Amino acid sequence: TAVLRAIDAEGFPRVDSWETGTGDALPALEVSLLAAPADPARVSPDIEEILERARAAHGLDEKDIIRLFQSRGADFARVCQQADALRKVVNGDDVSYVVTRNINYTNICYFKCQFCAFSKGKLSENLRGRPYDLSADEIRRRTAEAWERGATEVCMQGGINPDYTGQTYIDICHQVKAAVGDIHIHAFSPLEIWQGA
C-alpha cells in the first residue's frame, strides 16, 4: 500500500523512493555515509561497544543484532564499515560466484502472503497457472540439465504445500543428489523448514 511504501521497516518516514533490487543508484546521502570514515565522536557508545564485542569474536545476542539493524547516520556508517572490514579479513577482495538453477518443486501453497508467485489454490489458477508438484523424475531431470549447462548449485524452493512432511523435503534432496552427486543444494526457506519440522 502507499502507506507501507512511505515508511521504512521501523515505521519511520522514508526520505527517498530507493528500493533494493531496482538497479537504481544509492541515494547521495547513503553514498556519502559509506564513502567517508565514520567520525568516532558521532558514533553511539552502545554501537561501538557491540562492534568491539563482535571484533573480539564474542557472541552477539538478539538485542545487540536488533540494535545494529536500527543504526542510523554515523552509527549506520560505522556498522557498514566494520562489516566490510570483517568481510575483508574473512574473504579478502576475491570475488566469486555460483552458477545456480532455481527448481520450484511445487507452487501449491496455503499461505496468502503475496510474497511470491506460487499458487494459492483454485482461486489463483487463472492468475498464476495450474497448481503443480514436480515428480521425483522431473526433479532429477532438471538437476541433470542444470549440471550439463554448467550449474554448480540448485536452489530448491517452493510453496508451503500442506501435504509435505519433513520426509518430503529429505526426499527432494535425495533426488537432487541421485541425479548429480557433486552439485551443491541451496535449500530451504525458513517456512519450508517449519513445514517439515
N, C-alpha and C. Protein backbone atom coordinates (compact mmCIF):
# COMPACT_ATOMS: atom_id res chain seq x y z
N THR A 1 0.84 -1.19 0.00
CA THR A 1 0.00 0.00 0.00
C THR A 1 0.88 1.24 0.00
N ALA A 2 0.27 2.36 -0.25
CA ALA A 2 1.01 3.63 -0.30
C ALA A 2 1.63 3.95 1.06
N VAL A 3 0.92 3.63 2.13
CA VAL A 3 1.45 3.91 3.47
C VAL A 3 2.70 3.08 3.73
N LEU A 4 2.66 1.78 3.42
CA LEU A 4 3.82 0.92 3.65
C LEU A 4 5.01 1.34 2.80
N ARG A 5 4.77 1.80 1.57
CA ARG A 5 5.87 2.25 0.72
C ARG A 5 6.48 3.55 1.23
N ALA A 6 5.76 4.30 2.04
CA ALA A 6 6.24 5.59 2.53
C ALA A 6 7.02 5.50 3.83
N ILE A 7 7.10 4.28 4.42
CA ILE A 7 7.82 4.12 5.69
C ILE A 7 8.86 3.02 5.56
N ASP A 8 9.85 3.07 6.45
CA ASP A 8 10.86 2.02 6.46
C ASP A 8 10.43 0.89 7.40
N ALA A 9 11.32 -0.08 7.61
CA ALA A 9 10.97 -1.26 8.41
C ALA A 9 10.65 -0.94 9.86
N GLU A 10 11.11 0.21 10.34
CA GLU A 10 10.82 0.61 11.72
C GLU A 10 9.66 1.58 11.83
N GLY A 11 9.05 1.92 10.70
CA GLY A 11 7.92 2.82 10.72
C GLY A 11 8.28 4.28 10.56
N PHE A 12 9.58 4.58 10.35
CA PHE A 12 9.99 5.96 10.12
C PHE A 12 9.68 6.35 8.67
N PRO A 13 9.39 7.63 8.43
CA PRO A 13 9.11 8.04 7.05
C PRO A 13 10.36 7.90 6.18
N ARG A 14 10.16 7.43 4.97
CA ARG A 14 11.27 7.32 4.02
C ARG A 14 11.55 8.70 3.46
N VAL A 15 12.82 8.99 3.24
CA VAL A 15 13.20 10.30 2.70
C VAL A 15 13.49 10.23 1.20
N ASP A 16 13.39 9.02 0.63
CA ASP A 16 13.60 8.85 -0.81
C ASP A 16 12.77 7.65 -1.26
N SER A 17 12.79 7.39 -2.55
CA SER A 17 12.00 6.28 -3.08
C SER A 17 12.86 5.08 -3.48
N TRP A 18 14.13 5.07 -3.05
CA TRP A 18 15.04 3.98 -3.42
C TRP A 18 14.57 2.66 -2.81
N GLU A 19 14.68 1.58 -3.59
CA GLU A 19 14.35 0.24 -3.13
C GLU A 19 15.43 -0.72 -3.60
N THR A 20 15.71 -1.75 -2.80
CA THR A 20 16.68 -2.75 -3.21
C THR A 20 16.16 -3.50 -4.42
N GLY A 21 17.09 -3.96 -5.24
CA GLY A 21 16.73 -4.79 -6.37
C GLY A 21 16.29 -4.06 -7.62
N THR A 22 16.19 -2.73 -7.57
CA THR A 22 15.72 -2.00 -8.74
C THR A 22 16.85 -1.65 -9.70
N GLY A 23 18.08 -1.70 -9.23
CA GLY A 23 19.20 -1.31 -10.06
C GLY A 23 19.48 0.18 -10.03
N ASP A 24 18.66 0.92 -9.31
CA ASP A 24 18.88 2.36 -9.20
C ASP A 24 20.08 2.64 -8.30
N ALA A 25 20.77 3.73 -8.57
CA ALA A 25 21.91 4.12 -7.75
C ALA A 25 21.44 4.45 -6.34
N LEU A 26 22.32 4.19 -5.37
CA LEU A 26 22.01 4.55 -3.99
C LEU A 26 21.82 6.06 -3.87
N PRO A 27 20.96 6.50 -2.97
CA PRO A 27 20.81 7.94 -2.74
C PRO A 27 22.13 8.55 -2.28
N ALA A 28 22.33 9.81 -2.61
CA ALA A 28 23.59 10.51 -2.32
C ALA A 28 23.94 10.48 -0.83
N LEU A 29 22.95 10.60 0.06
CA LEU A 29 23.23 10.61 1.49
C LEU A 29 23.88 9.30 1.93
N GLU A 30 23.33 8.17 1.49
CA GLU A 30 23.91 6.88 1.86
C GLU A 30 25.30 6.70 1.27
N VAL A 31 25.48 7.14 0.03
CA VAL A 31 26.80 7.04 -0.60
C VAL A 31 27.82 7.82 0.21
N SER A 32 27.47 9.04 0.62
CA SER A 32 28.42 9.86 1.39
C SER A 32 28.70 9.24 2.75
N LEU A 33 27.69 8.65 3.39
CA LEU A 33 27.90 7.99 4.68
C LEU A 33 28.84 6.81 4.56
N LEU A 34 28.71 6.05 3.49
CA LEU A 34 29.52 4.85 3.33
C LEU A 34 30.91 5.15 2.80
N ALA A 35 31.09 6.26 2.10
CA ALA A 35 32.37 6.58 1.49
C ALA A 35 33.37 7.16 2.48
N ALA A 36 32.91 7.95 3.41
CA ALA A 36 33.82 8.61 4.36
C ALA A 36 33.91 7.79 5.64
N PRO A 37 35.08 7.77 6.28
CA PRO A 37 35.18 7.08 7.56
C PRO A 37 34.22 7.69 8.57
N ALA A 38 33.60 6.83 9.36
CA ALA A 38 32.68 7.32 10.39
C ALA A 38 33.45 8.10 11.43
N ASP A 39 32.93 9.23 11.82
CA ASP A 39 33.54 10.06 12.86
C ASP A 39 33.29 9.38 14.21
N PRO A 40 34.35 8.88 14.87
CA PRO A 40 34.17 8.18 16.14
C PRO A 40 33.41 9.00 17.18
N ALA A 41 33.56 10.31 17.13
CA ALA A 41 32.87 11.16 18.11
C ALA A 41 31.36 11.17 17.89
N ARG A 42 30.92 10.78 16.69
CA ARG A 42 29.49 10.80 16.39
C ARG A 42 28.85 9.42 16.49
N VAL A 43 29.66 8.38 16.78
CA VAL A 43 29.13 7.02 16.88
C VAL A 43 28.65 6.78 18.30
N SER A 44 27.46 6.25 18.44
CA SER A 44 26.89 5.98 19.76
C SER A 44 27.75 4.99 20.53
N PRO A 45 27.96 5.24 21.82
CA PRO A 45 28.79 4.33 22.62
C PRO A 45 28.29 2.88 22.61
N ASP A 46 26.97 2.69 22.62
CA ASP A 46 26.47 1.31 22.64
C ASP A 46 26.77 0.59 21.32
N ILE A 47 26.74 1.32 20.21
CA ILE A 47 27.09 0.71 18.92
C ILE A 47 28.56 0.31 18.93
N GLU A 48 29.42 1.21 19.39
CA GLU A 48 30.85 0.91 19.42
C GLU A 48 31.14 -0.28 20.34
N GLU A 49 30.42 -0.37 21.45
CA GLU A 49 30.60 -1.49 22.38
C GLU A 49 30.19 -2.82 21.72
N ILE A 50 29.08 -2.82 21.01
CA ILE A 50 28.63 -4.03 20.32
C ILE A 50 29.64 -4.43 19.25
N LEU A 51 30.12 -3.46 18.49
CA LEU A 51 31.09 -3.75 17.44
C LEU A 51 32.40 -4.27 18.02
N GLU A 52 32.80 -3.74 19.16
CA GLU A 52 34.02 -4.23 19.81
C GLU A 52 33.86 -5.69 20.22
N ARG A 53 32.70 -6.04 20.76
CA ARG A 53 32.46 -7.45 21.13
C ARG A 53 32.48 -8.33 19.88
N ALA A 54 31.94 -7.84 18.79
CA ALA A 54 31.95 -8.61 17.54
C ALA A 54 33.37 -8.80 17.03
N ARG A 55 34.19 -7.73 17.08
CA ARG A 55 35.58 -7.82 16.64
C ARG A 55 36.37 -8.81 17.48
N ALA A 56 36.04 -8.89 18.76
CA ALA A 56 36.73 -9.81 19.68
C ALA A 56 36.16 -11.22 19.60
N ALA A 57 35.25 -11.45 18.66
CA ALA A 57 34.63 -12.76 18.45
C ALA A 57 33.79 -13.21 19.63
N HIS A 58 33.28 -12.26 20.39
CA HIS A 58 32.32 -12.59 21.44
C HIS A 58 30.94 -12.63 20.78
N GLY A 59 30.14 -13.56 21.19
CA GLY A 59 28.83 -13.69 20.58
C GLY A 59 27.95 -12.47 20.82
N LEU A 60 27.16 -12.13 19.82
CA LEU A 60 26.18 -11.07 19.97
C LEU A 60 24.83 -11.70 20.23
N ASP A 61 24.07 -11.10 21.12
CA ASP A 61 22.74 -11.63 21.37
C ASP A 61 21.72 -10.94 20.47
N GLU A 62 20.49 -11.38 20.56
CA GLU A 62 19.44 -10.84 19.69
C GLU A 62 19.28 -9.33 19.87
N LYS A 63 19.38 -8.87 21.11
CA LYS A 63 19.24 -7.44 21.39
C LYS A 63 20.34 -6.64 20.68
N ASP A 64 21.56 -7.16 20.69
CA ASP A 64 22.67 -6.49 20.00
C ASP A 64 22.41 -6.40 18.50
N ILE A 65 21.98 -7.49 17.93
CA ILE A 65 21.75 -7.53 16.48
C ILE A 65 20.63 -6.58 16.09
N ILE A 66 19.58 -6.56 16.88
CA ILE A 66 18.48 -5.62 16.61
C ILE A 66 19.00 -4.19 16.65
N ARG A 67 19.84 -3.89 17.63
CA ARG A 67 20.38 -2.53 17.76
C ARG A 67 21.22 -2.17 16.53
N LEU A 68 22.02 -3.11 16.04
CA LEU A 68 22.82 -2.84 14.85
C LEU A 68 21.92 -2.55 13.64
N PHE A 69 20.85 -3.30 13.50
CA PHE A 69 19.92 -3.06 12.39
C PHE A 69 19.19 -1.74 12.53
N GLN A 70 19.10 -1.21 13.73
CA GLN A 70 18.42 0.06 13.95
C GLN A 70 19.34 1.27 13.77
N SER A 71 20.59 1.03 13.46
CA SER A 71 21.54 2.14 13.38
C SER A 71 21.18 3.10 12.24
N ARG A 72 21.46 4.36 12.49
CA ARG A 72 21.20 5.45 11.53
C ARG A 72 22.41 6.37 11.49
N GLY A 73 22.53 7.13 10.41
CA GLY A 73 23.56 8.15 10.31
C GLY A 73 24.97 7.61 10.52
N ALA A 74 25.73 8.24 11.43
CA ALA A 74 27.12 7.84 11.69
C ALA A 74 27.18 6.42 12.24
N ASP A 75 26.18 6.02 13.02
CA ASP A 75 26.14 4.64 13.53
C ASP A 75 26.04 3.65 12.37
N PHE A 76 25.16 3.96 11.42
CA PHE A 76 24.98 3.11 10.24
C PHE A 76 26.29 3.00 9.46
N ALA A 77 26.95 4.13 9.24
CA ALA A 77 28.22 4.13 8.51
C ALA A 77 29.25 3.27 9.23
N ARG A 78 29.32 3.39 10.55
CA ARG A 78 30.29 2.62 11.33
C ARG A 78 30.00 1.12 11.24
N VAL A 79 28.74 0.73 11.35
CA VAL A 79 28.38 -0.69 11.25
C VAL A 79 28.77 -1.22 9.87
N CYS A 80 28.45 -0.48 8.82
CA CYS A 80 28.78 -0.91 7.46
C CYS A 80 30.29 -1.03 7.27
N GLN A 81 31.04 -0.06 7.78
CA GLN A 81 32.49 -0.09 7.63
C GLN A 81 33.11 -1.25 8.39
N GLN A 82 32.58 -1.55 9.57
CA GLN A 82 33.10 -2.68 10.34
C GLN A 82 32.74 -4.01 9.66
N ALA A 83 31.54 -4.08 9.09
CA ALA A 83 31.15 -5.29 8.36
C ALA A 83 32.05 -5.50 7.15
N ASP A 84 32.39 -4.42 6.45
CA ASP A 84 33.27 -4.52 5.30
C ASP A 84 34.67 -4.94 5.72
N ALA A 85 35.15 -4.41 6.85
CA ALA A 85 36.47 -4.79 7.36
C ALA A 85 36.50 -6.28 7.70
N LEU A 86 35.43 -6.78 8.32
CA LEU A 86 35.35 -8.20 8.65
C LEU A 86 35.30 -9.04 7.38
N ARG A 87 34.53 -8.58 6.40
CA ARG A 87 34.48 -9.29 5.12
C ARG A 87 35.85 -9.41 4.50
N LYS A 88 36.64 -8.34 4.59
CA LYS A 88 37.97 -8.34 4.00
C LYS A 88 38.89 -9.32 4.72
N VAL A 89 38.79 -9.38 6.05
CA VAL A 89 39.61 -10.32 6.83
C VAL A 89 39.23 -11.77 6.48
N VAL A 90 37.95 -12.04 6.41
CA VAL A 90 37.47 -13.41 6.19
C VAL A 90 37.66 -13.85 4.74
N ASN A 91 37.32 -12.99 3.79
CA ASN A 91 37.28 -13.39 2.38
C ASN A 91 38.27 -12.66 1.48
N GLY A 92 38.92 -11.64 1.98
CA GLY A 92 39.79 -10.86 1.12
C GLY A 92 38.98 -10.10 0.09
N ASP A 93 39.65 -9.72 -0.99
CA ASP A 93 38.97 -8.96 -2.03
C ASP A 93 38.62 -9.81 -3.25
N ASP A 94 38.84 -11.13 -3.14
CA ASP A 94 38.46 -12.01 -4.24
C ASP A 94 36.94 -12.06 -4.35
N VAL A 95 36.48 -12.04 -5.56
CA VAL A 95 35.05 -12.13 -5.83
C VAL A 95 34.80 -13.46 -6.52
N SER A 96 33.82 -14.18 -6.05
CA SER A 96 33.47 -15.44 -6.70
C SER A 96 31.97 -15.45 -6.97
N TYR A 97 31.55 -16.44 -7.68
CA TYR A 97 30.12 -16.55 -7.97
C TYR A 97 29.76 -18.01 -8.11
N VAL A 98 28.51 -18.26 -8.12
CA VAL A 98 27.98 -19.61 -8.27
C VAL A 98 27.04 -19.60 -9.47
N VAL A 99 27.06 -20.65 -10.24
CA VAL A 99 26.09 -20.81 -11.31
C VAL A 99 24.99 -21.69 -10.74
N THR A 100 23.80 -21.14 -10.63
CA THR A 100 22.72 -21.85 -9.96
C THR A 100 21.48 -21.92 -10.84
N ARG A 101 20.69 -22.92 -10.55
CA ARG A 101 19.37 -23.02 -11.18
C ARG A 101 18.34 -23.15 -10.08
N ASN A 102 17.30 -22.34 -10.17
CA ASN A 102 16.18 -22.48 -9.24
C ASN A 102 15.28 -23.59 -9.74
N ILE A 103 14.94 -24.50 -8.84
CA ILE A 103 13.96 -25.54 -9.15
C ILE A 103 12.80 -25.33 -8.19
N ASN A 104 11.71 -24.86 -8.73
CA ASN A 104 10.49 -24.65 -7.93
C ASN A 104 9.69 -25.94 -7.99
N TYR A 105 9.82 -26.76 -6.96
CA TYR A 105 9.27 -28.12 -6.99
C TYR A 105 7.76 -28.17 -6.78
N THR A 106 7.16 -27.14 -6.23
CA THR A 106 5.71 -27.06 -6.13
C THR A 106 5.29 -25.60 -6.09
N ASN A 107 4.12 -25.34 -6.63
CA ASN A 107 3.56 -24.00 -6.49
C ASN A 107 2.29 -24.05 -5.64
N ILE A 108 2.09 -25.17 -4.98
CA ILE A 108 0.94 -25.31 -4.09
C ILE A 108 1.32 -24.71 -2.74
N CYS A 109 0.52 -23.78 -2.26
CA CYS A 109 0.86 -23.07 -1.03
C CYS A 109 -0.41 -22.64 -0.32
N TYR A 110 -0.43 -22.87 0.98
CA TYR A 110 -1.63 -22.48 1.73
C TYR A 110 -1.49 -21.10 2.38
N PHE A 111 -0.35 -20.45 2.21
CA PHE A 111 -0.20 -19.08 2.71
C PHE A 111 -0.77 -18.10 1.70
N LYS A 112 -1.22 -16.98 2.18
CA LYS A 112 -1.77 -15.94 1.31
C LYS A 112 -0.96 -14.65 1.49
N CYS A 113 0.36 -14.81 1.55
CA CYS A 113 1.22 -13.67 1.89
C CYS A 113 1.52 -12.76 0.70
N GLN A 114 1.33 -13.21 -0.51
CA GLN A 114 1.62 -12.44 -1.72
C GLN A 114 3.10 -12.13 -1.89
N PHE A 115 3.96 -12.89 -1.20
CA PHE A 115 5.41 -12.68 -1.31
C PHE A 115 5.93 -13.22 -2.65
N CYS A 116 5.42 -14.34 -3.07
CA CYS A 116 5.92 -14.98 -4.28
C CYS A 116 4.78 -15.18 -5.27
N ALA A 117 5.10 -15.84 -6.36
CA ALA A 117 4.09 -16.09 -7.39
C ALA A 117 3.56 -17.52 -7.32
N PHE A 118 3.72 -18.19 -6.18
CA PHE A 118 3.23 -19.55 -6.08
C PHE A 118 1.71 -19.57 -6.00
N SER A 119 1.15 -20.68 -6.43
CA SER A 119 -0.31 -20.83 -6.46
C SER A 119 -0.88 -20.76 -5.06
N LYS A 120 -2.05 -20.23 -4.96
CA LYS A 120 -2.73 -20.14 -3.66
C LYS A 120 -3.98 -21.00 -3.64
N GLY A 121 -4.12 -21.91 -4.58
CA GLY A 121 -5.30 -22.76 -4.62
C GLY A 121 -6.16 -22.42 -5.82
N LYS A 122 -7.37 -22.95 -5.84
CA LYS A 122 -8.23 -22.85 -7.02
C LYS A 122 -8.48 -21.43 -7.48
N LEU A 123 -8.63 -20.49 -6.54
CA LEU A 123 -8.94 -19.11 -6.94
C LEU A 123 -7.81 -18.47 -7.72
N SER A 124 -6.59 -18.97 -7.56
CA SER A 124 -5.46 -18.32 -8.23
C SER A 124 -5.08 -19.00 -9.53
N GLU A 125 -5.77 -20.07 -9.92
CA GLU A 125 -5.38 -20.79 -11.14
C GLU A 125 -5.33 -19.87 -12.35
N ASN A 126 -6.28 -18.95 -12.46
CA ASN A 126 -6.29 -18.04 -13.60
C ASN A 126 -5.18 -17.01 -13.53
N LEU A 127 -4.70 -16.70 -12.33
CA LEU A 127 -3.66 -15.68 -12.17
C LEU A 127 -2.26 -16.25 -12.28
N ARG A 128 -2.04 -17.45 -11.77
CA ARG A 128 -0.68 -17.96 -11.66
C ARG A 128 -0.50 -19.33 -12.30
N GLY A 129 -1.42 -19.75 -13.09
CA GLY A 129 -1.29 -21.06 -13.72
C GLY A 129 -1.82 -22.16 -12.82
N ARG A 130 -1.77 -23.38 -13.34
CA ARG A 130 -2.31 -24.51 -12.61
C ARG A 130 -1.35 -24.95 -11.50
N PRO A 131 -1.89 -25.45 -10.41
CA PRO A 131 -1.03 -25.98 -9.34
C PRO A 131 -0.20 -27.17 -9.85
N TYR A 132 1.04 -27.28 -9.39
CA TYR A 132 1.87 -28.43 -9.77
C TYR A 132 2.71 -28.87 -8.58
N ASP A 133 3.15 -30.11 -8.66
CA ASP A 133 4.03 -30.72 -7.68
C ASP A 133 4.97 -31.61 -8.49
N LEU A 134 6.22 -31.19 -8.68
CA LEU A 134 7.12 -31.92 -9.56
C LEU A 134 7.34 -33.35 -9.06
N SER A 135 7.42 -34.26 -10.01
CA SER A 135 7.72 -35.66 -9.68
C SER A 135 9.21 -35.80 -9.36
N ALA A 136 9.57 -36.92 -8.75
CA ALA A 136 10.98 -37.20 -8.47
C ALA A 136 11.77 -37.25 -9.77
N ASP A 137 11.19 -37.85 -10.82
CA ASP A 137 11.87 -37.91 -12.12
C ASP A 137 12.15 -36.52 -12.67
N GLU A 138 11.18 -35.61 -12.53
CA GLU A 138 11.35 -34.25 -13.06
C GLU A 138 12.40 -33.48 -12.26
N ILE A 139 12.44 -33.67 -10.95
CA ILE A 139 13.48 -33.01 -10.14
C ILE A 139 14.85 -33.51 -10.58
N ARG A 140 14.99 -34.81 -10.78
CA ARG A 140 16.28 -35.36 -11.24
C ARG A 140 16.62 -34.82 -12.63
N ARG A 141 15.64 -34.77 -13.52
CA ARG A 141 15.88 -34.29 -14.88
C ARG A 141 16.36 -32.84 -14.88
N ARG A 142 15.69 -31.99 -14.10
CA ARG A 142 16.07 -30.57 -14.05
C ARG A 142 17.44 -30.39 -13.41
N THR A 143 17.76 -31.22 -12.43
CA THR A 143 19.08 -31.15 -11.80
C THR A 143 20.16 -31.53 -12.80
N ALA A 144 19.96 -32.63 -13.52
CA ALA A 144 20.94 -33.07 -14.51
C ALA A 144 21.09 -32.03 -15.62
N GLU A 145 19.99 -31.46 -16.05
CA GLU A 145 20.02 -30.41 -17.08
C GLU A 145 20.83 -29.20 -16.59
N ALA A 146 20.62 -28.82 -15.35
CA ALA A 146 21.37 -27.69 -14.78
C ALA A 146 22.86 -27.98 -14.80
N TRP A 147 23.25 -29.17 -14.37
CA TRP A 147 24.66 -29.56 -14.33
C TRP A 147 25.26 -29.55 -15.73
N GLU A 148 24.53 -30.09 -16.69
CA GLU A 148 25.01 -30.13 -18.08
C GLU A 148 25.21 -28.73 -18.64
N ARG A 149 24.46 -27.76 -18.15
CA ARG A 149 24.57 -26.37 -18.61
C ARG A 149 25.55 -25.55 -17.79
N GLY A 150 26.26 -26.19 -16.86
CA GLY A 150 27.30 -25.50 -16.11
C GLY A 150 26.95 -25.09 -14.70
N ALA A 151 25.77 -25.44 -14.23
CA ALA A 151 25.40 -25.08 -12.85
C ALA A 151 26.24 -25.89 -11.86
N THR A 152 26.57 -25.25 -10.76
CA THR A 152 27.27 -25.93 -9.67
C THR A 152 26.37 -26.06 -8.45
N GLU A 153 25.18 -25.48 -8.55
CA GLU A 153 24.25 -25.45 -7.42
C GLU A 153 22.82 -25.42 -7.94
N VAL A 154 21.92 -26.06 -7.19
CA VAL A 154 20.50 -25.89 -7.43
C VAL A 154 19.89 -25.26 -6.19
N CYS A 155 19.02 -24.30 -6.42
CA CYS A 155 18.29 -23.64 -5.34
C CYS A 155 16.89 -24.22 -5.33
N MET A 156 16.58 -24.95 -4.28
CA MET A 156 15.28 -25.62 -4.18
C MET A 156 14.33 -24.73 -3.40
N GLN A 157 13.22 -24.39 -4.03
CA GLN A 157 12.24 -23.56 -3.35
C GLN A 157 10.86 -23.86 -3.89
N GLY A 158 9.88 -23.66 -3.03
CA GLY A 158 8.52 -23.92 -3.45
C GLY A 158 7.53 -23.36 -2.45
N GLY A 159 6.28 -23.52 -2.80
CA GLY A 159 5.21 -23.10 -1.90
C GLY A 159 5.19 -23.98 -0.66
N ILE A 160 4.41 -23.57 0.31
CA ILE A 160 4.27 -24.35 1.54
C ILE A 160 3.08 -25.29 1.34
N ASN A 161 3.40 -26.44 0.80
CA ASN A 161 2.39 -27.44 0.45
C ASN A 161 1.91 -28.13 1.73
N PRO A 162 0.61 -28.10 2.01
CA PRO A 162 0.12 -28.68 3.26
C PRO A 162 0.32 -30.19 3.35
N ASP A 163 0.57 -30.85 2.23
CA ASP A 163 0.79 -32.29 2.25
C ASP A 163 2.25 -32.67 2.50
N TYR A 164 3.15 -31.70 2.52
CA TYR A 164 4.56 -32.00 2.70
C TYR A 164 4.89 -32.27 4.16
N THR A 165 5.79 -33.24 4.35
CA THR A 165 6.32 -33.55 5.68
C THR A 165 7.83 -33.35 5.62
N GLY A 166 8.48 -33.54 6.74
CA GLY A 166 9.94 -33.48 6.74
C GLY A 166 10.54 -34.47 5.76
N GLN A 167 9.93 -35.64 5.66
CA GLN A 167 10.44 -36.66 4.74
C GLN A 167 10.35 -36.20 3.30
N THR A 168 9.33 -35.43 2.96
CA THR A 168 9.20 -34.91 1.60
C THR A 168 10.43 -34.07 1.24
N TYR A 169 10.83 -33.18 2.15
CA TYR A 169 11.98 -32.31 1.88
C TYR A 169 13.27 -33.12 1.79
N ILE A 170 13.40 -34.13 2.65
CA ILE A 170 14.58 -35.01 2.58
C ILE A 170 14.59 -35.74 1.25
N ASP A 171 13.43 -36.25 0.82
CA ASP A 171 13.35 -36.96 -0.46
C ASP A 171 13.71 -36.06 -1.63
N ILE A 172 13.31 -34.81 -1.60
CA ILE A 172 13.67 -33.86 -2.66
C ILE A 172 15.19 -33.76 -2.75
N CYS A 173 15.86 -33.62 -1.61
CA CYS A 173 17.33 -33.53 -1.60
C CYS A 173 17.95 -34.82 -2.12
N HIS A 174 17.40 -35.97 -1.73
CA HIS A 174 17.91 -37.25 -2.23
C HIS A 174 17.79 -37.34 -3.75
N GLN A 175 16.71 -36.82 -4.31
CA GLN A 175 16.54 -36.86 -5.77
C GLN A 175 17.59 -36.00 -6.46
N VAL A 176 17.89 -34.85 -5.89
CA VAL A 176 18.93 -33.98 -6.46
C VAL A 176 20.27 -34.71 -6.47
N LYS A 177 20.64 -35.28 -5.33
CA LYS A 177 21.93 -35.96 -5.22
C LYS A 177 21.97 -37.24 -6.05
N ALA A 178 20.82 -37.89 -6.25
CA ALA A 178 20.77 -39.07 -7.12
C ALA A 178 21.08 -38.69 -8.56
N ALA A 179 20.67 -37.49 -8.95
CA ALA A 179 20.91 -37.03 -10.32
C ALA A 179 22.35 -36.59 -10.52
N VAL A 180 22.87 -35.80 -9.58
CA VAL A 180 24.24 -35.27 -9.67
C VAL A 180 24.81 -35.19 -8.26
N GLY A 181 25.64 -36.14 -7.92
CA GLY A 181 26.17 -36.22 -6.56
C GLY A 181 27.01 -35.02 -6.15
N ASP A 182 27.66 -34.36 -7.12
CA ASP A 182 28.57 -33.26 -6.78
C ASP A 182 27.92 -31.89 -6.77
N ILE A 183 26.65 -31.80 -7.10
CA ILE A 183 26.01 -30.48 -7.14
C ILE A 183 25.68 -30.02 -5.73
N HIS A 184 25.83 -28.73 -5.49
CA HIS A 184 25.50 -28.16 -4.17
C HIS A 184 24.01 -27.87 -4.12
N ILE A 185 23.41 -28.16 -2.96
CA ILE A 185 21.98 -27.87 -2.77
C ILE A 185 21.84 -26.66 -1.87
N HIS A 186 21.15 -25.66 -2.36
CA HIS A 186 20.80 -24.47 -1.57
C HIS A 186 19.30 -24.58 -1.31
N ALA A 187 18.96 -24.88 -0.07
CA ALA A 187 17.54 -25.10 0.26
C ALA A 187 17.37 -24.98 1.76
N PHE A 188 16.37 -24.82 2.32
CA PHE A 188 15.02 -24.44 2.04
C PHE A 188 14.76 -23.16 2.79
N SER A 189 13.63 -22.51 2.55
CA SER A 189 13.30 -21.28 3.28
C SER A 189 12.91 -21.64 4.71
N PRO A 190 12.95 -20.65 5.62
CA PRO A 190 12.50 -20.93 6.99
C PRO A 190 11.09 -21.51 7.06
N LEU A 191 10.18 -21.03 6.22
CA LEU A 191 8.82 -21.58 6.25
C LEU A 191 8.78 -23.02 5.76
N GLU A 192 9.61 -23.36 4.78
CA GLU A 192 9.67 -24.74 4.31
C GLU A 192 10.20 -25.65 5.42
N ILE A 193 11.23 -25.18 6.13
CA ILE A 193 11.78 -25.97 7.24
C ILE A 193 10.74 -26.13 8.33
N TRP A 194 10.02 -25.06 8.63
CA TRP A 194 8.97 -25.11 9.65
C TRP A 194 7.90 -26.12 9.24
N GLN A 195 7.51 -26.11 7.97
CA GLN A 195 6.50 -27.05 7.48
C GLN A 195 6.97 -28.49 7.66
N GLY A 196 8.26 -28.73 7.41
CA GLY A 196 8.78 -30.09 7.51
C GLY A 196 9.13 -30.54 8.91
N ALA A 197 9.13 -29.61 9.85
CA ALA A 197 9.55 -29.96 11.22
C ALA A 197 8.49 -30.78 11.95
